[in-house]
Structure formats: C-alpha cells, structure tokens
C-alpha cells in the first residue's frame, strides 16, 4: 500500500443514494459518493448532490471543500450560510439544521468520527 494517494474519482465506482424520506423537506435529492478512505474513524472522498433540502444532524467533524455548485446550510437558530465553489468549511459535531442544494454541488469531504 502506498502512503500517498491521489484523489481521483474516475477510478472509483460511485455509490448512489437518497436521504431517508422522513428527513427530506423539498425535492428529490440524489447523492453520489466516491469513498476513497474508510479506516480508524476517518472517511474521505467526494460527494455530489442534486437539488433538494433535508434535515441534518452532525455527530462528527467534517471538513468540506466545494468544487462546484451552491448549497445553503441553515442551523437550528435559522442562520443560513451559503457554500459555493471555492469555499472550505468545517462542520463541528452538534450542528443541526438543514442542508439545501440550490445548484448541484460537488464537494471533497473529510470526516472524523
């Protein structure tokens, strides 16, 4: 095993899923995930979603880098934050609210649980 791994989604068979119907608030978002690492509580890869809105609740840390699209994260207090191409964010454990994809969004993710 090499200790240096290039992020290349073309070499990975993506997983496709939808959020559970009970958390979807709008639309019919389809999530495509290219998992590149899954070990010792660390998960990373690329994720894409088509437009829609659903409830989220984070029990883990997540770092995201937005490659394409526009999404809005709204916390439980109603504060909305736009995530757009070129942005990097950290979502801390305990964040609750909604994730809304306005334009199909592609992101890198690193999750530590």
N, C-alpha and C. Protein backbone atom coordinates (compact mmCIF):
# COMPACT_ATOMS: atom_id res chain seq x y z
N UNK A 1 0.85 -1.18 0.00
CA UNK A 1 0.00 0.00 0.00
C UNK A 1 0.89 1.24 0.00
N UNK A 2 0.57 2.16 -0.88
CA UNK A 2 1.30 3.42 -0.92
C UNK A 2 0.76 4.36 0.15
N UNK A 3 1.60 5.21 0.68
CA UNK A 3 1.17 6.17 1.71
C UNK A 3 0.76 7.51 1.13
N UNK A 4 0.83 7.63 -0.19
CA UNK A 4 0.39 8.84 -0.88
C UNK A 4 -0.67 8.42 -1.88
N UNK A 5 -1.86 9.04 -1.79
CA UNK A 5 -2.97 8.62 -2.64
C UNK A 5 -3.58 9.85 -3.30
N UNK A 6 -3.57 9.86 -4.62
CA UNK A 6 -4.17 10.96 -5.38
C UNK A 6 -5.70 10.84 -5.33
N UNK A 7 -6.36 11.95 -5.16
CA UNK A 7 -7.82 11.98 -5.18
C UNK A 7 -8.26 11.95 -6.64
N UNK A 8 -8.87 10.83 -7.05
CA UNK A 8 -9.28 10.63 -8.44
C UNK A 8 -10.55 9.82 -8.47
N UNK A 9 -11.66 10.48 -8.63
CA UNK A 9 -12.94 9.76 -8.57
C UNK A 9 -13.18 8.89 -9.79
N UNK A 10 -12.44 9.09 -10.88
CA UNK A 10 -12.66 8.28 -12.07
C UNK A 10 -12.27 6.82 -11.86
N UNK A 11 -11.46 6.56 -10.84
CA UNK A 11 -11.01 5.19 -10.57
C UNK A 11 -11.90 4.46 -9.56
N UNK A 12 -12.99 5.10 -9.13
CA UNK A 12 -13.84 4.54 -8.07
C UNK A 12 -15.27 4.38 -8.58
N UNK A 13 -15.88 3.27 -8.28
CA UNK A 13 -17.30 3.08 -8.60
C UNK A 13 -18.11 3.85 -7.55
N UNK A 14 -18.89 4.84 -7.98
CA UNK A 14 -19.64 5.65 -7.01
C UNK A 14 -20.83 4.90 -6.42
N UNK A 15 -21.21 5.32 -5.23
CA UNK A 15 -22.42 4.83 -4.58
C UNK A 15 -23.48 5.91 -4.75
N UNK A 16 -24.70 5.50 -5.07
CA UNK A 16 -25.79 6.45 -5.24
C UNK A 16 -26.87 6.15 -4.21
N UNK A 17 -27.37 7.22 -3.57
CA UNK A 17 -28.40 7.06 -2.54
C UNK A 17 -29.23 8.34 -2.45
N UNK A 18 -30.31 8.22 -1.73
CA UNK A 18 -31.15 9.38 -1.41
C UNK A 18 -31.24 9.48 0.10
N UNK A 19 -31.44 10.69 0.63
CA UNK A 19 -31.66 10.78 2.07
C UNK A 19 -32.98 10.07 2.43
N UNK A 20 -33.07 9.62 3.67
CA UNK A 20 -34.29 8.96 4.13
C UNK A 20 -35.49 9.89 3.91
N UNK A 21 -36.60 9.36 3.40
CA UNK A 21 -37.77 10.20 3.08
C UNK A 21 -38.24 11.07 4.25
N UNK A 22 -38.11 10.57 5.47
CA UNK A 22 -38.61 11.34 6.63
C UNK A 22 -37.79 12.58 6.94
N UNK A 23 -36.59 12.72 6.37
CA UNK A 23 -35.80 13.94 6.62
C UNK A 23 -35.80 14.90 5.44
N UNK A 24 -36.34 14.47 4.29
CA UNK A 24 -36.39 15.33 3.11
C UNK A 24 -37.50 16.36 3.28
N UNK A 25 -37.13 17.63 3.06
CA UNK A 25 -38.09 18.73 3.19
C UNK A 25 -38.53 19.28 1.84
N UNK A 26 -37.69 19.08 0.81
CA UNK A 26 -38.03 19.60 -0.52
C UNK A 26 -37.25 18.85 -1.59
N UNK A 27 -37.90 18.60 -2.71
CA UNK A 27 -37.23 17.99 -3.85
C UNK A 27 -36.99 16.50 -3.68
N UNK A 28 -36.13 15.99 -4.56
CA UNK A 28 -35.77 14.57 -4.57
C UNK A 28 -34.26 14.48 -4.77
N UNK A 29 -33.48 14.90 -3.75
CA UNK A 29 -32.03 14.93 -3.93
C UNK A 29 -31.44 13.53 -4.09
N UNK A 30 -30.50 13.43 -5.02
CA UNK A 30 -29.76 12.19 -5.25
C UNK A 30 -28.31 12.45 -4.87
N UNK A 31 -27.78 11.62 -3.99
CA UNK A 31 -26.40 11.76 -3.52
C UNK A 31 -25.53 10.71 -4.22
N UNK A 32 -24.42 11.17 -4.75
CA UNK A 32 -23.43 10.28 -5.35
C UNK A 32 -22.15 10.44 -4.55
N UNK A 33 -21.60 9.33 -4.06
CA UNK A 33 -20.42 9.37 -3.20
C UNK A 33 -19.32 8.49 -3.77
N UNK A 34 -18.12 9.06 -3.82
CA UNK A 34 -16.92 8.34 -4.20
C UNK A 34 -16.07 8.21 -2.93
N UNK A 35 -16.21 7.10 -2.21
CA UNK A 35 -15.46 6.89 -0.97
C UNK A 35 -14.03 6.50 -1.31
N UNK A 36 -13.07 7.24 -0.75
CA UNK A 36 -11.66 6.99 -1.06
C UNK A 36 -10.87 6.47 0.13
N UNK A 37 -11.39 6.69 1.32
CA UNK A 37 -10.70 6.23 2.54
C UNK A 37 -11.74 5.94 3.60
N UNK A 38 -11.59 4.84 4.29
CA UNK A 38 -12.52 4.45 5.35
C UNK A 38 -11.73 3.59 6.33
N UNK A 39 -11.14 4.23 7.34
CA UNK A 39 -10.35 3.49 8.33
C UNK A 39 -10.18 4.31 9.60
N UNK A 40 -10.19 3.62 10.71
CA UNK A 40 -9.91 4.21 12.02
C UNK A 40 -10.74 5.46 12.30
N UNK A 41 -12.00 5.47 11.88
CA UNK A 41 -12.88 6.61 12.13
C UNK A 41 -12.66 7.79 11.21
N UNK A 42 -11.86 7.60 10.15
CA UNK A 42 -11.61 8.65 9.17
C UNK A 42 -12.23 8.23 7.85
N UNK A 43 -13.00 9.12 7.26
CA UNK A 43 -13.66 8.86 5.99
C UNK A 43 -13.39 10.05 5.08
N UNK A 44 -13.01 9.79 3.85
CA UNK A 44 -12.83 10.91 2.93
C UNK A 44 -13.11 10.47 1.51
N UNK A 45 -13.42 11.45 0.69
CA UNK A 45 -13.73 11.21 -0.70
C UNK A 45 -14.41 12.42 -1.30
N UNK A 46 -15.26 12.14 -2.28
CA UNK A 46 -16.03 13.20 -2.93
C UNK A 46 -17.51 12.84 -2.87
N UNK A 47 -18.33 13.87 -2.80
CA UNK A 47 -19.78 13.71 -2.67
C UNK A 47 -20.44 14.73 -3.57
N UNK A 48 -21.52 14.31 -4.22
CA UNK A 48 -22.29 15.21 -5.07
C UNK A 48 -23.76 15.03 -4.76
N UNK A 49 -24.51 16.13 -4.82
CA UNK A 49 -25.95 16.04 -4.63
C UNK A 49 -26.66 16.92 -5.64
N UNK A 50 -27.80 16.42 -6.11
CA UNK A 50 -28.69 17.21 -6.94
C UNK A 50 -29.56 18.06 -6.01
N UNK A 51 -30.27 19.06 -6.55
CA UNK A 51 -31.06 19.96 -5.71
C UNK A 51 -32.09 19.25 -4.82
N UNK A 52 -32.27 19.86 -3.66
CA UNK A 52 -33.22 19.39 -2.67
C UNK A 52 -32.84 19.94 -1.31
N UNK A 53 -33.65 19.63 -0.31
CA UNK A 53 -33.41 20.12 1.05
C UNK A 53 -33.77 19.03 2.04
N UNK A 54 -32.90 18.82 3.06
CA UNK A 54 -33.15 17.80 4.06
C UNK A 54 -32.55 18.23 5.40
N UNK A 55 -33.04 17.60 6.46
CA UNK A 55 -32.54 17.87 7.81
C UNK A 55 -31.21 17.14 8.02
N UNK A 56 -30.29 17.79 8.75
CA UNK A 56 -29.00 17.19 9.07
C UNK A 56 -28.74 17.32 10.57
N UNK A 57 -27.97 16.38 11.08
CA UNK A 57 -27.53 16.39 12.48
C UNK A 57 -26.15 15.74 12.50
N UNK A 58 -25.14 16.53 12.86
CA UNK A 58 -23.76 16.05 12.83
C UNK A 58 -23.28 15.59 14.20
N UNK A 59 -22.81 14.34 14.27
CA UNK A 59 -22.19 13.81 15.49
C UNK A 59 -20.68 13.74 15.32
N UNK A 60 -20.19 14.12 14.14
CA UNK A 60 -18.78 14.02 13.81
C UNK A 60 -18.27 15.36 13.25
N UNK A 61 -16.94 15.47 13.10
CA UNK A 61 -16.32 16.61 12.45
C UNK A 61 -16.34 16.36 10.95
N UNK A 62 -16.57 17.41 10.16
CA UNK A 62 -16.44 17.28 8.72
C UNK A 62 -15.79 18.53 8.15
N UNK A 63 -14.76 18.30 7.33
CA UNK A 63 -14.15 19.36 6.53
C UNK A 63 -14.68 19.20 5.12
N UNK A 64 -15.11 20.30 4.49
CA UNK A 64 -15.59 20.25 3.12
C UNK A 64 -14.90 21.31 2.27
N UNK A 65 -14.66 20.96 1.03
CA UNK A 65 -14.21 21.90 0.02
C UNK A 65 -15.19 21.79 -1.14
N UNK A 66 -15.81 22.89 -1.50
CA UNK A 66 -16.83 22.88 -2.55
C UNK A 66 -16.16 23.12 -3.91
N UNK A 67 -16.28 22.13 -4.80
CA UNK A 67 -15.73 22.25 -6.16
C UNK A 67 -16.69 22.95 -7.10
N UNK A 68 -17.98 22.57 -7.00
CA UNK A 68 -18.99 23.07 -7.92
C UNK A 68 -20.30 23.26 -7.18
N UNK A 69 -21.10 24.20 -7.68
CA UNK A 69 -22.45 24.35 -7.20
C UNK A 69 -22.62 25.32 -6.05
N UNK A 70 -23.85 25.34 -5.54
CA UNK A 70 -24.23 26.21 -4.44
C UNK A 70 -25.15 25.43 -3.51
N UNK A 71 -24.82 25.46 -2.22
CA UNK A 71 -25.66 24.88 -1.18
C UNK A 71 -25.82 25.89 -0.06
N UNK A 72 -26.84 25.69 0.75
CA UNK A 72 -27.06 26.54 1.92
C UNK A 72 -27.24 25.65 3.14
N UNK A 73 -26.39 25.86 4.15
CA UNK A 73 -26.56 25.19 5.44
C UNK A 73 -27.25 26.17 6.37
N UNK A 74 -28.33 25.75 6.99
CA UNK A 74 -29.05 26.60 7.92
C UNK A 74 -29.06 25.90 9.27
N UNK A 75 -28.59 26.62 10.30
CA UNK A 75 -28.53 26.00 11.63
C UNK A 75 -29.88 26.05 12.32
N UNK A 76 -29.97 25.44 13.49
CA UNK A 76 -31.24 25.33 14.23
C UNK A 76 -31.80 26.69 14.62
N UNK A 77 -30.93 27.70 14.71
CA UNK A 77 -31.39 29.05 15.05
C UNK A 77 -31.88 29.82 13.83
N UNK A 78 -31.72 29.22 12.64
CA UNK A 78 -32.19 29.88 11.42
C UNK A 78 -31.13 30.67 10.67
N UNK A 79 -29.87 30.61 11.12
CA UNK A 79 -28.79 31.31 10.44
C UNK A 79 -28.36 30.51 9.21
N UNK A 80 -28.48 31.14 8.04
CA UNK A 80 -28.15 30.48 6.78
C UNK A 80 -26.74 30.85 6.34
N UNK A 81 -25.99 29.85 5.87
CA UNK A 81 -24.64 30.05 5.36
C UNK A 81 -24.54 29.45 3.98
N UNK A 82 -24.15 30.28 3.00
CA UNK A 82 -24.01 29.81 1.63
C UNK A 82 -22.65 29.14 1.45
N UNK A 83 -22.64 27.98 0.83
CA UNK A 83 -21.43 27.25 0.47
C UNK A 83 -21.38 27.23 -1.05
N UNK A 84 -20.30 27.78 -1.62
CA UNK A 84 -20.21 27.86 -3.07
C UNK A 84 -18.84 27.42 -3.54
N UNK A 85 -18.70 27.22 -4.84
CA UNK A 85 -17.45 26.74 -5.42
C UNK A 85 -16.27 27.60 -4.93
N UNK A 86 -15.23 26.89 -4.45
CA UNK A 86 -14.03 27.55 -3.94
C UNK A 86 -14.01 27.69 -2.44
N UNK A 87 -15.13 27.45 -1.77
CA UNK A 87 -15.21 27.59 -0.31
C UNK A 87 -14.74 26.34 0.41
N UNK A 88 -14.15 26.55 1.59
CA UNK A 88 -13.79 25.47 2.51
C UNK A 88 -14.49 25.74 3.84
N UNK A 89 -15.01 24.69 4.46
CA UNK A 89 -15.72 24.84 5.73
C UNK A 89 -15.42 23.66 6.65
N UNK A 90 -15.55 23.91 7.94
CA UNK A 90 -15.53 22.85 8.94
C UNK A 90 -16.91 22.83 9.59
N UNK A 91 -17.53 21.67 9.63
CA UNK A 91 -18.81 21.50 10.33
C UNK A 91 -18.48 20.72 11.60
N UNK A 92 -18.79 21.31 12.73
CA UNK A 92 -18.43 20.70 14.01
C UNK A 92 -19.56 19.80 14.53
N UNK A 93 -19.17 18.82 15.36
CA UNK A 93 -20.19 17.95 15.97
C UNK A 93 -21.22 18.79 16.72
N UNK A 94 -22.46 18.39 16.62
CA UNK A 94 -23.54 19.11 17.28
C UNK A 94 -24.32 20.02 16.34
N UNK A 95 -23.79 20.26 15.13
CA UNK A 95 -24.52 21.10 14.18
C UNK A 95 -25.81 20.40 13.80
N UNK A 96 -26.92 21.11 13.92
CA UNK A 96 -28.22 20.60 13.49
C UNK A 96 -28.91 21.67 12.68
N UNK A 97 -29.62 21.24 11.67
CA UNK A 97 -30.33 22.19 10.83
C UNK A 97 -30.71 21.55 9.52
N UNK A 98 -30.50 22.29 8.41
CA UNK A 98 -30.84 21.77 7.09
C UNK A 98 -29.69 22.00 6.12
N UNK A 99 -29.62 21.11 5.14
CA UNK A 99 -28.70 21.27 4.01
C UNK A 99 -29.61 21.40 2.79
N UNK A 100 -29.45 22.49 2.06
CA UNK A 100 -30.22 22.70 0.84
C UNK A 100 -29.27 22.88 -0.33
N UNK A 101 -29.43 22.04 -1.33
CA UNK A 101 -28.65 22.16 -2.55
C UNK A 101 -29.47 23.01 -3.53
N UNK A 102 -28.93 24.18 -3.85
CA UNK A 102 -29.57 25.09 -4.80
C UNK A 102 -29.17 24.71 -6.23
N UNK A 103 -27.86 24.52 -6.43
CA UNK A 103 -27.31 24.05 -7.70
C UNK A 103 -26.51 22.79 -7.39
N UNK A 104 -26.61 21.77 -8.22
CA UNK A 104 -25.90 20.53 -7.98
C UNK A 104 -24.52 20.83 -7.43
N UNK A 105 -24.20 20.23 -6.28
CA UNK A 105 -22.98 20.54 -5.53
C UNK A 105 -22.06 19.32 -5.50
N UNK A 106 -20.76 19.58 -5.75
CA UNK A 106 -19.72 18.57 -5.65
C UNK A 106 -18.72 19.04 -4.62
N UNK A 107 -18.44 18.19 -3.64
CA UNK A 107 -17.51 18.58 -2.58
C UNK A 107 -16.52 17.45 -2.28
N UNK A 108 -15.35 17.84 -1.80
CA UNK A 108 -14.44 16.92 -1.11
C UNK A 108 -14.90 16.88 0.33
N UNK A 109 -14.79 15.73 0.98
CA UNK A 109 -15.12 15.66 2.40
C UNK A 109 -14.05 14.86 3.13
N UNK A 110 -13.82 15.27 4.37
CA UNK A 110 -13.00 14.51 5.31
C UNK A 110 -13.79 14.49 6.60
N UNK A 111 -14.16 13.30 7.05
CA UNK A 111 -14.99 13.14 8.25
C UNK A 111 -14.17 12.40 9.31
N UNK A 112 -14.19 12.92 10.51
CA UNK A 112 -13.56 12.25 11.64
C UNK A 112 -14.64 11.98 12.66
N UNK A 113 -14.86 10.69 12.93
CA UNK A 113 -15.93 10.33 13.88
C UNK A 113 -15.34 9.93 15.22
